[in-house]
Amino acid sequence: MIERIETEEQLEEFNKYWEGEHDKDIVAKFAPKLYHGHDGIMKARYAVKSFHTGKDGKPVDKRLPYELVRASASIDAWALGVLVFTLLTGETLIPSSRDDDCASGNAMHALYSWGKQPEKEDEVFNKIEDEAARDLVWKLLQKEPRKRETVSSLLATHPFFNPKMSGQFHEMKEYLQNITNQVEILNANILEVKKLSIESK
């Protein structure tokens, strides 16, 4: 959904495509936004993958400088996850304008980089207090579309929509946490044994 523009050639290609659009408001809306790193230096530009239409009302895809993303159930799942996050926390997932556009290039970078910074995403998800609700949003906001569960399967089986299953959900999470703890202890013991065997040689 977001295109990263890193070179002047990419920017020129992007601008050439949008020369065909006569509505200045649309051109301004889809103009690339600058992303600055922590050092204040401009790192890239970001733009929403969009297109304009010709006089006949049909999409103009000739010279389109990126591949469009088709509408799908996985995109609907993402949109639902963003909406549920906002309803549960009272804030937007990504800084946005009143028109629901990304507020800046840095906001677009956060969206483009989603799934690559687990610590930051954990901070975001932890803003949701209810455990079942947090798990629901996490499942809807997976970076890879194929990893997102379908809305129909979540409605049928997820504890957020099926409170009777909530107890089983918590029991399963505790069970998995116990197994994870045991595996970590086992790994630590194996490393210690390996270390001792190397020292004894």
N, C-alpha and C. Protein backbone atom coordinates (compact mmCIF):
# COMPACT_ATOMS: atom_id res chain seq x y z
N MET A 1 0.81 -1.21 0.00
CA MET A 1 0.00 0.00 0.00
C MET A 1 0.86 1.27 0.00
N ILE A 2 2.09 1.16 0.55
CA ILE A 2 2.99 2.32 0.63
C ILE A 2 4.21 2.06 -0.24
N GLU A 3 4.59 3.06 -1.01
CA GLU A 3 5.78 2.96 -1.87
C GLU A 3 6.90 3.80 -1.28
N ARG A 4 8.09 3.20 -1.18
CA ARG A 4 9.26 3.93 -0.70
C ARG A 4 10.04 4.43 -1.92
N ILE A 5 10.31 5.72 -1.94
CA ILE A 5 11.02 6.35 -3.05
C ILE A 5 12.38 6.80 -2.53
N GLU A 6 13.45 6.19 -3.03
CA GLU A 6 14.78 6.46 -2.49
C GLU A 6 15.67 7.24 -3.44
N THR A 7 15.42 7.16 -4.74
CA THR A 7 16.31 7.81 -5.70
C THR A 7 15.59 8.93 -6.46
N GLU A 8 16.38 9.81 -7.06
CA GLU A 8 15.82 10.90 -7.86
C GLU A 8 15.12 10.33 -9.10
N GLU A 9 15.65 9.22 -9.63
CA GLU A 9 15.03 8.60 -10.80
C GLU A 9 13.63 8.09 -10.47
N GLN A 10 13.48 7.47 -9.30
CA GLN A 10 12.16 6.99 -8.87
C GLN A 10 11.20 8.16 -8.69
N LEU A 11 11.71 9.25 -8.10
CA LEU A 11 10.88 10.43 -7.87
C LEU A 11 10.43 11.04 -9.20
N GLU A 12 11.36 11.10 -10.16
CA GLU A 12 11.03 11.66 -11.48
C GLU A 12 9.96 10.80 -12.17
N GLU A 13 10.10 9.48 -12.06
CA GLU A 13 9.13 8.57 -12.65
C GLU A 13 7.75 8.78 -12.02
N PHE A 14 7.73 8.93 -10.69
CA PHE A 14 6.49 9.16 -9.97
C PHE A 14 5.83 10.47 -10.43
N ASN A 15 6.63 11.54 -10.48
CA ASN A 15 6.10 12.86 -10.86
C ASN A 15 5.60 12.88 -12.30
N LYS A 16 6.28 12.16 -13.19
CA LYS A 16 5.85 12.09 -14.60
C LYS A 16 4.47 11.45 -14.69
N TYR A 17 4.25 10.41 -13.91
CA TYR A 17 2.94 9.75 -13.95
C TYR A 17 1.84 10.71 -13.52
N TRP A 18 2.08 11.45 -12.44
CA TRP A 18 1.03 12.33 -11.91
C TRP A 18 0.87 13.63 -12.68
N GLU A 19 1.74 13.89 -13.67
CA GLU A 19 1.57 15.06 -14.54
C GLU A 19 0.23 15.01 -15.28
N GLY A 20 -0.29 13.80 -15.49
CA GLY A 20 -1.54 13.63 -16.21
C GLY A 20 -2.78 13.97 -15.41
N GLU A 21 -2.62 14.21 -14.11
CA GLU A 21 -3.77 14.55 -13.25
C GLU A 21 -3.92 16.06 -13.16
N HIS A 22 -5.11 16.57 -13.50
CA HIS A 22 -5.33 18.02 -13.53
C HIS A 22 -5.89 18.58 -12.22
N ASP A 23 -6.38 17.71 -11.37
CA ASP A 23 -6.93 18.16 -10.08
C ASP A 23 -5.77 18.35 -9.09
N LYS A 24 -5.48 19.61 -8.80
CA LYS A 24 -4.31 19.94 -7.95
C LYS A 24 -4.46 19.37 -6.53
N ASP A 25 -5.70 19.30 -6.03
CA ASP A 25 -5.92 18.75 -4.68
C ASP A 25 -5.53 17.28 -4.62
N ILE A 26 -5.86 16.53 -5.67
CA ILE A 26 -5.51 15.10 -5.72
C ILE A 26 -4.00 14.95 -5.81
N VAL A 27 -3.37 15.77 -6.66
CA VAL A 27 -1.91 15.71 -6.79
C VAL A 27 -1.25 16.00 -5.45
N ALA A 28 -1.74 17.01 -4.73
CA ALA A 28 -1.18 17.36 -3.41
C ALA A 28 -1.41 16.22 -2.41
N LYS A 29 -2.58 15.60 -2.46
CA LYS A 29 -2.92 14.53 -1.52
C LYS A 29 -1.97 13.34 -1.66
N PHE A 30 -1.61 13.01 -2.91
CA PHE A 30 -0.78 11.83 -3.15
C PHE A 30 0.69 12.15 -3.36
N ALA A 31 1.08 13.41 -3.16
CA ALA A 31 2.49 13.78 -3.30
C ALA A 31 3.33 13.05 -2.25
N PRO A 32 4.54 12.61 -2.63
CA PRO A 32 5.40 11.91 -1.68
C PRO A 32 5.73 12.77 -0.46
N LYS A 33 5.75 12.12 0.70
CA LYS A 33 6.09 12.81 1.95
C LYS A 33 7.52 12.44 2.36
N LEU A 34 8.24 13.42 2.87
CA LEU A 34 9.63 13.21 3.26
C LEU A 34 9.73 12.46 4.59
N TYR A 35 10.66 11.52 4.65
CA TYR A 35 10.95 10.82 5.90
C TYR A 35 12.35 11.20 6.36
N HIS A 36 12.45 11.71 7.59
CA HIS A 36 13.74 12.07 8.18
C HIS A 36 14.09 11.08 9.29
N GLY A 37 15.34 10.62 9.30
CA GLY A 37 15.80 9.71 10.35
C GLY A 37 16.01 10.45 11.66
N HIS A 38 16.48 9.71 12.68
CA HIS A 38 16.72 10.31 14.00
C HIS A 38 17.77 11.41 13.94
N ASP A 39 18.65 11.34 12.92
CA ASP A 39 19.71 12.34 12.79
C ASP A 39 19.22 13.60 12.06
N GLY A 40 17.94 13.61 11.65
CA GLY A 40 17.38 14.77 10.97
C GLY A 40 17.64 14.79 9.47
N ILE A 41 18.39 13.80 8.98
CA ILE A 41 18.71 13.75 7.55
C ILE A 41 17.58 13.03 6.80
N MET A 42 17.23 13.58 5.63
CA MET A 42 16.18 12.97 4.82
C MET A 42 16.66 11.63 4.28
N LYS A 43 15.91 10.57 4.59
CA LYS A 43 16.30 9.21 4.19
C LYS A 43 15.57 8.72 2.95
N ALA A 44 14.31 9.11 2.82
CA ALA A 44 13.50 8.63 1.69
C ALA A 44 12.22 9.45 1.60
N ARG A 45 11.44 9.16 0.58
CA ARG A 45 10.10 9.71 0.46
C ARG A 45 9.14 8.53 0.42
N TYR A 46 7.93 8.77 0.89
CA TYR A 46 6.90 7.72 0.86
C TYR A 46 5.65 8.26 0.18
N ALA A 47 4.99 7.37 -0.55
CA ALA A 47 3.73 7.74 -1.20
C ALA A 47 2.76 6.56 -1.11
N VAL A 48 1.48 6.88 -1.07
CA VAL A 48 0.44 5.85 -1.12
C VAL A 48 0.35 5.35 -2.55
N LYS A 49 0.32 4.02 -2.72
CA LYS A 49 0.17 3.47 -4.07
C LYS A 49 -1.25 3.76 -4.57
N SER A 50 -1.35 4.73 -5.44
CA SER A 50 -2.65 5.12 -5.97
C SER A 50 -2.54 5.35 -7.47
N PHE A 51 -3.63 5.78 -8.08
CA PHE A 51 -3.63 6.03 -9.52
C PHE A 51 -4.64 7.13 -9.82
N HIS A 52 -4.53 7.72 -11.01
CA HIS A 52 -5.53 8.71 -11.42
C HIS A 52 -6.34 8.13 -12.58
N THR A 53 -7.42 8.78 -12.91
CA THR A 53 -8.28 8.29 -13.99
C THR A 53 -8.24 9.24 -15.18
N GLY A 54 -8.51 8.68 -16.35
CA GLY A 54 -8.55 9.48 -17.57
C GLY A 54 -9.89 10.17 -17.73
N LYS A 55 -10.07 10.86 -18.84
CA LYS A 55 -11.33 11.56 -19.11
C LYS A 55 -12.51 10.60 -19.19
N ASP A 56 -12.22 9.34 -19.56
CA ASP A 56 -13.29 8.34 -19.66
C ASP A 56 -13.64 7.73 -18.30
N GLY A 57 -12.93 8.18 -17.24
CA GLY A 57 -13.21 7.67 -15.89
C GLY A 57 -12.50 6.37 -15.56
N LYS A 58 -11.74 5.83 -16.52
CA LYS A 58 -11.03 4.56 -16.29
C LYS A 58 -9.64 4.83 -15.70
N PRO A 59 -9.14 3.90 -14.88
CA PRO A 59 -7.80 4.08 -14.29
C PRO A 59 -6.72 4.17 -15.37
N VAL A 60 -5.78 5.08 -15.17
CA VAL A 60 -4.63 5.20 -16.06
C VAL A 60 -3.48 4.43 -15.42
N ASP A 61 -3.15 3.27 -16.01
CA ASP A 61 -2.07 2.48 -15.41
C ASP A 61 -0.80 2.46 -16.26
N LYS A 62 -0.83 3.15 -17.40
CA LYS A 62 0.37 3.25 -18.22
C LYS A 62 1.39 4.13 -17.49
N ARG A 63 2.63 3.65 -17.43
CA ARG A 63 3.74 4.36 -16.76
C ARG A 63 3.55 4.45 -15.24
N LEU A 64 2.67 3.64 -14.70
CA LEU A 64 2.49 3.63 -13.24
C LEU A 64 3.80 3.13 -12.62
N PRO A 65 4.41 3.90 -11.72
CA PRO A 65 5.75 3.54 -11.24
C PRO A 65 5.79 2.50 -10.12
N TYR A 66 4.70 1.82 -9.89
CA TYR A 66 4.66 0.78 -8.86
C TYR A 66 3.51 -0.17 -9.19
N GLU A 67 3.52 -1.30 -8.53
CA GLU A 67 2.45 -2.27 -8.74
C GLU A 67 1.33 -2.00 -7.73
N LEU A 68 0.11 -1.89 -8.24
CA LEU A 68 -1.02 -1.63 -7.35
C LEU A 68 -1.36 -2.88 -6.54
N VAL A 69 -1.93 -2.66 -5.36
CA VAL A 69 -2.37 -3.76 -4.50
C VAL A 69 -3.89 -3.88 -4.64
N ARG A 70 -4.34 -5.05 -5.04
CA ARG A 70 -5.78 -5.25 -5.24
C ARG A 70 -6.50 -5.40 -3.91
N ALA A 71 -7.77 -4.97 -3.90
CA ALA A 71 -8.60 -5.14 -2.71
C ALA A 71 -8.72 -6.62 -2.39
N SER A 72 -8.73 -6.96 -1.10
CA SER A 72 -8.80 -8.37 -0.72
C SER A 72 -9.33 -8.47 0.72
N ALA A 73 -9.67 -9.69 1.11
CA ALA A 73 -10.16 -9.95 2.47
C ALA A 73 -9.07 -9.64 3.50
N SER A 74 -7.80 -9.86 3.14
CA SER A 74 -6.71 -9.59 4.09
C SER A 74 -6.54 -8.09 4.33
N ILE A 75 -6.81 -7.26 3.30
CA ILE A 75 -6.75 -5.81 3.49
C ILE A 75 -7.92 -5.36 4.36
N ASP A 76 -9.08 -5.98 4.16
CA ASP A 76 -10.24 -5.69 5.02
C ASP A 76 -9.93 -6.04 6.48
N ALA A 77 -9.22 -7.17 6.68
CA ALA A 77 -8.86 -7.59 8.04
C ALA A 77 -7.94 -6.55 8.68
N TRP A 78 -6.96 -6.06 7.90
CA TRP A 78 -6.05 -5.00 8.40
C TRP A 78 -6.86 -3.77 8.80
N ALA A 79 -7.77 -3.34 7.92
CA ALA A 79 -8.57 -2.14 8.18
C ALA A 79 -9.39 -2.32 9.46
N LEU A 80 -9.94 -3.52 9.66
CA LEU A 80 -10.70 -3.79 10.87
C LEU A 80 -9.79 -3.71 12.10
N GLY A 81 -8.58 -4.25 11.99
CA GLY A 81 -7.63 -4.19 13.09
C GLY A 81 -7.30 -2.76 13.49
N VAL A 82 -7.10 -1.89 12.49
CA VAL A 82 -6.82 -0.47 12.75
C VAL A 82 -8.01 0.18 13.45
N LEU A 83 -9.20 -0.12 12.98
CA LEU A 83 -10.42 0.45 13.56
C LEU A 83 -10.62 -0.02 15.00
N VAL A 84 -10.45 -1.32 15.23
CA VAL A 84 -10.62 -1.87 16.59
C VAL A 84 -9.58 -1.27 17.53
N PHE A 85 -8.34 -1.12 17.06
CA PHE A 85 -7.29 -0.50 17.89
C PHE A 85 -7.72 0.90 18.33
N THR A 86 -8.23 1.69 17.39
CA THR A 86 -8.66 3.06 17.69
C THR A 86 -9.81 3.07 18.69
N LEU A 87 -10.78 2.17 18.50
CA LEU A 87 -11.93 2.11 19.40
C LEU A 87 -11.51 1.71 20.82
N LEU A 88 -10.53 0.81 20.92
CA LEU A 88 -10.11 0.31 22.23
C LEU A 88 -9.17 1.25 22.97
N THR A 89 -8.37 2.02 22.23
CA THR A 89 -7.35 2.86 22.88
C THR A 89 -7.67 4.35 22.82
N GLY A 90 -8.55 4.76 21.90
CA GLY A 90 -8.85 6.18 21.75
C GLY A 90 -7.79 6.94 20.98
N GLU A 91 -6.86 6.21 20.33
CA GLU A 91 -5.84 6.87 19.51
C GLU A 91 -5.64 6.10 18.21
N THR A 92 -5.05 6.77 17.23
CA THR A 92 -4.84 6.10 15.95
C THR A 92 -3.58 5.22 16.02
N LEU A 93 -3.57 4.18 15.20
CA LEU A 93 -2.41 3.28 15.15
C LEU A 93 -1.18 4.02 14.65
N ILE A 94 -1.38 4.82 13.60
CA ILE A 94 -0.33 5.63 12.99
C ILE A 94 -0.81 7.08 13.02
N PRO A 95 0.06 8.06 13.35
CA PRO A 95 -0.38 9.46 13.34
C PRO A 95 -1.06 9.81 12.02
N SER A 96 -2.31 10.30 12.10
CA SER A 96 -3.12 10.54 10.91
C SER A 96 -3.76 11.91 10.94
N SER A 97 -4.14 12.38 9.75
CA SER A 97 -4.86 13.65 9.64
C SER A 97 -6.35 13.39 9.85
N ARG A 98 -7.15 14.45 9.83
CA ARG A 98 -8.60 14.29 10.03
C ARG A 98 -9.23 13.51 8.87
N ASP A 99 -8.53 13.44 7.72
CA ASP A 99 -9.03 12.68 6.57
C ASP A 99 -8.51 11.24 6.56
N ASP A 100 -7.88 10.83 7.68
CA ASP A 100 -7.30 9.48 7.81
C ASP A 100 -6.12 9.24 6.88
N ASP A 101 -5.44 10.30 6.46
CA ASP A 101 -4.19 10.17 5.71
C ASP A 101 -3.04 10.15 6.71
N CYS A 102 -1.96 9.46 6.36
CA CYS A 102 -0.77 9.50 7.21
C CYS A 102 -0.33 10.95 7.38
N ALA A 103 -0.04 11.34 8.62
CA ALA A 103 0.22 12.74 8.92
C ALA A 103 1.56 13.25 8.38
N SER A 104 2.52 12.34 8.17
CA SER A 104 3.85 12.78 7.75
C SER A 104 4.59 11.61 7.11
N GLY A 105 5.77 11.93 6.57
CA GLY A 105 6.62 10.88 6.02
C GLY A 105 7.07 9.91 7.10
N ASN A 106 7.26 10.42 8.32
CA ASN A 106 7.67 9.54 9.42
C ASN A 106 6.55 8.56 9.78
N ALA A 107 5.30 9.03 9.70
CA ALA A 107 4.16 8.14 9.95
C ALA A 107 4.08 7.07 8.86
N MET A 108 4.35 7.47 7.61
CA MET A 108 4.34 6.51 6.51
C MET A 108 5.48 5.50 6.66
N HIS A 109 6.61 5.97 7.15
CA HIS A 109 7.75 5.06 7.39
C HIS A 109 7.37 4.02 8.45
N ALA A 110 6.67 4.45 9.50
CA ALA A 110 6.24 3.52 10.55
C ALA A 110 5.32 2.45 9.97
N LEU A 111 4.44 2.84 9.07
CA LEU A 111 3.53 1.89 8.43
C LEU A 111 4.29 0.97 7.48
N TYR A 112 5.19 1.53 6.69
CA TYR A 112 6.00 0.75 5.75
C TYR A 112 6.88 -0.27 6.48
N SER A 113 7.37 0.11 7.67
CA SER A 113 8.28 -0.73 8.44
C SER A 113 7.55 -1.67 9.40
N TRP A 114 6.24 -1.63 9.41
CA TRP A 114 5.45 -2.45 10.34
C TRP A 114 5.89 -3.92 10.23
N GLY A 115 6.10 -4.56 11.39
CA GLY A 115 6.50 -5.96 11.40
C GLY A 115 8.00 -6.16 11.50
N LYS A 116 8.77 -5.07 11.42
CA LYS A 116 10.23 -5.18 11.46
C LYS A 116 10.82 -4.73 12.79
N GLN A 117 9.97 -4.17 13.67
CA GLN A 117 10.45 -3.68 14.97
C GLN A 117 9.54 -4.22 16.08
N PRO A 118 9.71 -5.49 16.46
CA PRO A 118 8.80 -6.13 17.42
C PRO A 118 8.66 -5.38 18.75
N GLU A 119 9.76 -4.77 19.24
CA GLU A 119 9.68 -4.07 20.54
C GLU A 119 8.72 -2.89 20.46
N LYS A 120 8.81 -2.12 19.37
CA LYS A 120 7.93 -0.97 19.21
C LYS A 120 6.48 -1.42 19.04
N GLU A 121 6.29 -2.52 18.31
CA GLU A 121 4.92 -3.01 18.11
C GLU A 121 4.33 -3.55 19.41
N ASP A 122 5.18 -4.17 20.23
CA ASP A 122 4.70 -4.64 21.54
C ASP A 122 4.19 -3.46 22.37
N GLU A 123 4.92 -2.34 22.31
CA GLU A 123 4.48 -1.13 23.03
C GLU A 123 3.10 -0.69 22.55
N VAL A 124 2.90 -0.77 21.24
CA VAL A 124 1.61 -0.38 20.65
C VAL A 124 0.51 -1.32 21.13
N PHE A 125 0.74 -2.62 21.03
CA PHE A 125 -0.28 -3.60 21.40
C PHE A 125 -0.58 -3.55 22.90
N ASN A 126 0.43 -3.25 23.71
CA ASN A 126 0.22 -3.21 25.16
C ASN A 126 -0.64 -2.04 25.62
N LYS A 127 -0.97 -1.14 24.70
CA LYS A 127 -1.92 -0.07 25.03
C LYS A 127 -3.34 -0.61 25.18
N ILE A 128 -3.55 -1.83 24.68
CA ILE A 128 -4.86 -2.49 24.81
C ILE A 128 -4.82 -3.34 26.08
N GLU A 129 -5.64 -2.99 27.06
CA GLU A 129 -5.58 -3.66 28.37
C GLU A 129 -6.14 -5.07 28.34
N ASP A 130 -7.26 -5.28 27.69
CA ASP A 130 -7.90 -6.60 27.67
C ASP A 130 -7.07 -7.56 26.82
N GLU A 131 -6.75 -8.72 27.40
CA GLU A 131 -5.85 -9.68 26.74
C GLU A 131 -6.46 -10.25 25.47
N ALA A 132 -7.73 -10.60 25.52
CA ALA A 132 -8.39 -11.16 24.33
C ALA A 132 -8.46 -10.13 23.21
N ALA A 133 -8.76 -8.88 23.56
CA ALA A 133 -8.83 -7.80 22.57
C ALA A 133 -7.45 -7.56 21.96
N ARG A 134 -6.41 -7.60 22.80
CA ARG A 134 -5.04 -7.40 22.31
C ARG A 134 -4.66 -8.49 21.31
N ASP A 135 -5.02 -9.74 21.65
CA ASP A 135 -4.72 -10.87 20.77
C ASP A 135 -5.48 -10.73 19.44
N LEU A 136 -6.72 -10.28 19.51
CA LEU A 136 -7.52 -10.08 18.29
C LEU A 136 -6.86 -9.07 17.37
N VAL A 137 -6.48 -7.91 17.91
CA VAL A 137 -5.86 -6.86 17.10
C VAL A 137 -4.53 -7.35 16.54
N TRP A 138 -3.77 -8.07 17.35
CA TRP A 138 -2.47 -8.62 16.89
C TRP A 138 -2.68 -9.54 15.69
N LYS A 139 -3.72 -10.37 15.73
CA LYS A 139 -3.99 -11.29 14.62
C LYS A 139 -4.44 -10.56 13.36
N LEU A 140 -5.14 -9.46 13.52
CA LEU A 140 -5.61 -8.69 12.37
C LEU A 140 -4.50 -7.84 11.75
N LEU A 141 -3.52 -7.44 12.56
CA LEU A 141 -2.47 -6.52 12.09
C LEU A 141 -1.14 -7.21 11.79
N GLN A 142 -1.21 -8.46 11.35
CA GLN A 142 0.01 -9.14 10.93
C GLN A 142 0.56 -8.49 9.66
N LYS A 143 1.87 -8.34 9.59
CA LYS A 143 2.52 -7.70 8.43
C LYS A 143 2.20 -8.46 7.14
N GLU A 144 2.37 -9.79 7.18
CA GLU A 144 2.14 -10.61 5.99
C GLU A 144 0.64 -10.88 5.84
N PRO A 145 0.04 -10.47 4.73
CA PRO A 145 -1.41 -10.69 4.54
C PRO A 145 -1.84 -12.14 4.73
N ARG A 146 -1.01 -13.09 4.28
CA ARG A 146 -1.40 -14.51 4.38
C ARG A 146 -1.43 -15.00 5.84
N LYS A 147 -0.79 -14.26 6.74
CA LYS A 147 -0.78 -14.65 8.15
C LYS A 147 -1.97 -14.10 8.93
N ARG A 148 -2.70 -13.17 8.30
CA ARG A 148 -3.88 -12.62 8.97
C ARG A 148 -5.03 -13.61 8.92
N GLU A 149 -5.66 -13.82 10.07
CA GLU A 149 -6.81 -14.71 10.08
C GLU A 149 -8.00 -14.00 9.43
N THR A 150 -8.90 -14.79 8.87
CA THR A 150 -10.07 -14.18 8.24
C THR A 150 -11.03 -13.66 9.31
N VAL A 151 -11.76 -12.63 8.96
CA VAL A 151 -12.72 -12.04 9.90
C VAL A 151 -13.77 -13.07 10.29
N SER A 152 -14.22 -13.89 9.32
CA SER A 152 -15.26 -14.90 9.63
C SER A 152 -14.75 -15.94 10.63
N SER A 153 -13.48 -16.36 10.51
CA SER A 153 -12.95 -17.36 11.46
C SER A 153 -12.78 -16.74 12.84
N LEU A 154 -12.38 -15.48 12.90
CA LEU A 154 -12.24 -14.80 14.19
C LEU A 154 -13.60 -14.62 14.86
N LEU A 155 -14.60 -14.25 14.08
CA LEU A 155 -15.96 -14.10 14.64
C LEU A 155 -16.46 -15.42 15.22
N ALA A 156 -16.09 -16.51 14.58
CA ALA A 156 -16.59 -17.82 15.01
C ALA A 156 -15.82 -18.40 16.20
N THR A 157 -14.53 -18.09 16.29
CA THR A 157 -13.71 -18.81 17.28
C THR A 157 -12.96 -17.94 18.28
N HIS A 158 -12.79 -16.66 18.02
CA HIS A 158 -11.93 -15.88 18.90
C HIS A 158 -12.63 -15.54 20.22
N PRO A 159 -11.89 -15.65 21.34
CA PRO A 159 -12.47 -15.35 22.67
C PRO A 159 -13.06 -13.95 22.81
N PHE A 160 -12.55 -12.99 22.04
CA PHE A 160 -13.10 -11.63 22.12
C PHE A 160 -14.57 -11.61 21.74
N PHE A 161 -14.93 -12.42 20.75
CA PHE A 161 -16.32 -12.48 20.28
C PHE A 161 -17.10 -13.62 20.94
N ASN A 162 -16.39 -14.50 21.63
CA ASN A 162 -17.01 -15.66 22.27
C ASN A 162 -16.55 -15.75 23.72
N PRO A 163 -17.15 -14.96 24.61
CA PRO A 163 -16.67 -14.87 26.00
C PRO A 163 -16.55 -16.21 26.71
N LYS A 164 -17.37 -17.20 26.33
CA LYS A 164 -17.30 -18.52 27.00
C LYS A 164 -15.96 -19.20 26.75
N MET A 165 -15.32 -18.82 25.65
CA MET A 165 -14.01 -19.41 25.33
C MET A 165 -12.87 -18.67 26.02
N SER A 166 -13.18 -17.57 26.68
CA SER A 166 -12.14 -16.73 27.28
C SER A 166 -11.31 -17.49 28.31
N GLY A 167 -11.98 -18.31 29.13
CA GLY A 167 -11.27 -19.10 30.14
C GLY A 167 -10.28 -20.05 29.49
N GLN A 168 -10.71 -20.73 28.42
CA GLN A 168 -9.82 -21.65 27.71
C GLN A 168 -8.64 -20.90 27.11
N PHE A 169 -8.90 -19.69 26.61
CA PHE A 169 -7.85 -18.87 26.02
C PHE A 169 -6.77 -18.56 27.05
N HIS A 170 -7.19 -18.15 28.25
CA HIS A 170 -6.21 -17.81 29.30
C HIS A 170 -5.45 -19.05 29.76
N GLU A 171 -6.16 -20.19 29.89
CA GLU A 171 -5.49 -21.44 30.28
C GLU A 171 -4.44 -21.84 29.26
N MET A 172 -4.79 -21.73 27.97
CA MET A 172 -3.85 -22.09 26.90
C MET A 172 -2.63 -21.17 26.91
N LYS A 173 -2.84 -19.87 27.13
CA LYS A 173 -1.71 -18.94 27.17
C LYS A 173 -0.77 -19.27 28.34
N GLU A 174 -1.36 -19.59 29.49
CA GLU A 174 -0.54 -19.97 30.66
C GLU A 174 0.24 -21.24 30.38
N TYR A 175 -0.43 -22.21 29.75
CA TYR A 175 0.20 -23.49 29.41
C TYR A 175 1.39 -23.26 28.48
N LEU A 176 1.19 -22.44 27.43
CA LEU A 176 2.26 -22.15 26.48
C LEU A 176 3.41 -21.38 27.14
N GLN A 177 3.06 -20.48 28.07
CA GLN A 177 4.10 -19.73 28.78
C GLN A 177 4.94 -20.66 29.65
N ASN A 178 4.29 -21.63 30.30
CA ASN A 178 5.02 -22.61 31.12
C ASN A 178 5.98 -23.43 30.26
N ILE A 179 5.50 -23.85 29.09
CA ILE A 179 6.36 -24.63 28.18
C ILE A 179 7.55 -23.78 27.74
N THR A 180 7.29 -22.51 27.40
CA THR A 180 8.36 -21.60 26.97
C THR A 180 9.40 -21.45 28.08
N ASN A 181 8.94 -21.29 29.32
CA ASN A 181 9.86 -21.16 30.47
C ASN A 181 10.71 -22.41 30.63
N GLN A 182 10.09 -23.58 30.50
CA GLN A 182 10.81 -24.85 30.64
C GLN A 182 11.86 -25.01 29.54
N VAL A 183 11.51 -24.62 28.32
CA VAL A 183 12.45 -24.71 27.21
C VAL A 183 13.64 -23.78 27.45
N GLU A 184 13.39 -22.59 27.96
CA GLU A 184 14.49 -21.65 28.25
C GLU A 184 15.42 -22.21 29.32
N ILE A 185 14.86 -22.83 30.35
CA ILE A 185 15.67 -23.46 31.41
C ILE A 185 16.50 -24.60 30.83
N LEU A 186 15.86 -25.42 30.00
CA LEU A 186 16.55 -26.55 29.36
C LEU A 186 17.69 -26.06 28.49
N ASN A 187 17.45 -25.01 27.71
CA ASN A 187 18.51 -24.45 26.85
C ASN A 187 19.67 -23.93 27.68
N ALA A 188 19.36 -23.27 28.80
CA ALA A 188 20.42 -22.75 29.68
C ALA A 188 21.25 -23.90 30.25
N ASN A 189 20.58 -24.99 30.65
CA ASN A 189 21.29 -26.16 31.19
C ASN A 189 22.17 -26.81 30.13
N ILE A 190 21.67 -26.91 28.90
CA ILE A 190 22.45 -27.51 27.81
C ILE A 190 23.70 -26.68 27.54
N LEU A 191 23.55 -25.37 27.54
CA LEU A 191 24.71 -24.49 27.32
C LEU A 191 25.74 -24.64 28.44
N GLU A 192 25.25 -24.79 29.67
CA GLU A 192 26.16 -24.96 30.81
C GLU A 192 26.93 -26.27 30.71
N VAL A 193 26.22 -27.35 30.35
CA VAL A 193 26.87 -28.66 30.18
C VAL A 193 27.90 -28.59 29.06
N LYS A 194 27.55 -27.94 27.96
CA LYS A 194 28.47 -27.80 26.83
C LYS A 194 29.72 -27.04 27.25
N LYS A 195 29.51 -25.98 28.03
CA LYS A 195 30.63 -25.15 28.50
C LYS A 195 31.57 -25.96 29.39
N LEU A 196 30.95 -26.75 30.31
CA LEU A 196 31.76 -27.58 31.22
C LEU A 196 32.53 -28.66 30.47
N SER A 197 31.90 -29.23 29.43
CA SER A 197 32.58 -30.29 28.66
C SER A 197 33.75 -29.72 27.89
N ILE A 198 33.61 -28.48 27.40
CA ILE A 198 34.73 -27.83 26.68
C ILE A 198 35.85 -27.53 27.63
N GLU A 199 35.52 -27.05 28.84
CA GLU A 199 36.55 -26.72 29.83
C GLU A 199 37.31 -27.95 30.33
N SER A 200 36.62 -29.09 30.36
CA SER A 200 37.27 -30.31 30.89
C SER A 200 38.19 -30.98 29.90
N LYS A 201 38.20 -30.54 28.63
CA LYS A 201 39.04 -31.16 27.61
C LYS A 201 40.49 -30.71 27.75
